[in-house]
Amino acid sequence: MKRINCLPWITLIAVSTVFAGCESKPANNPATPTAAPKFMLAWSEYPSWSIFGVASDVGLIDGEPGKMGSIEKKHNVDIVLKLVDYDSCISLYGNSEADAVCITNIDILGPAASRKSVAIMPTSTSNGADACIASGIDSVDALTGKSTHGLEKSVSQYCFDRCLVKLDKDPAKFPFLNMAPEQASQAFEQKTGNIQSIMVWNPFVMQSLARRPDAKVLFDSSAIPEEIIDMVVVGADSLKKPGGKDFAAAILETFYAMNKRMTDPATSDKTLMGIGARFAKLELADMKKVVTQTRFYGEPAEAIALFGSDKFRTETMPVVSKFCEKYGLTPKPTAVSFGTGEGMVDFDDSFLKAVK
């Protein structure tokens, strides 16, 4: 799944090498041009990240080394799509084995402490996809002193704490016990372990509500709009490699091309079904709900507006940084910048402006 705390790092960078004097491919067989530099994007299954897997299905990015889709050929970059679980994505990126990663604005602060990183685009924001679900507890006041189960040091705990603060409650009075989301939702659905309250993300939110008709949402991420951001982040070192900026441009073009397929009546349902097949094998009706709770930044202008907003810069990211320091995700605040390149995480909208 996604959004799990960061791991230790080692360093390993794989760089494709072009040898002078190599015989070029015939013009009628351009599938594997030797001159194309290779880059890896590590991603895990989540709606606005699974879109890259569907892009591979339709031929925009091939995803395999030495093979190229239409957008790769256009930008002359060989993009390897590495599908692994979320923890492994963070590890691959932090170890410099992956050039780029699909990751949240919360989880990037850990690996960025040792690898300077550039957020080139937001892909989506949680708008109800993370929720506190309870049974036998009818209000937030009634939840006081009772344990909620969810993944510690993750987006779940961030959302839990932030929503309580928004409700003028003290998170310290609401015990949060560590449990993986799939285990928490399963125990809740099967009524085992006397678990009355869980904090999970989709698809577990939808599944738990469907399987426990007596359950209700006490609060969800819609109470903290545009605080939980799913993104694509590229290592500053990778952007400096030959073809690095072309790689970033190809990733952005792929994402927005797939968003057009999602809004085009001729391809919308098929695209959503392709994402749903990868993301928890959800059917079309569920996927139509999922993309309202995980709201995509489907146009570059929307993404530019987020990165440039005063709220995101002066409120959201400082709060995120304090959360990461409080719960030990980072030993100290990670320096963040906005297009200047000064921070260990730089939210750079220049790539968005170029594709726009």
Foldseek 3Di string as FASTA:
>chain_A
DAWAFADDAAADADKQDADPPDDFDPPVDVFFTSPAIEAEEEEEFDQLRCLVVVLCVVFLAVQDPRGGGPLCVVLRHHYHYHYDDHRVQNHCVLRNHHQKYWHKLLRVLQSLVPFQKEFAWFFWFFQFQKFKKFFPQDEPVSQFQPEEEEAPPTVQVVFVCVVCVLVVHHCVRHHYHYDYLVVRLVCLLVVPPVHGIYIHGPPSVVVSCVSDVRMDTRDGCNSPPPLITTTMMGTPVQCPPVSNLSVSLSVVVSSLVLLVLCVDPVRNQVSLCSSCCRRVVDHSVVSVVSCVRTPTPNALVSGVCSLPDPCVVPPRSVSSQVSCCVRVSDVHGFFEDECPSPTSYYHRHPSSVVND
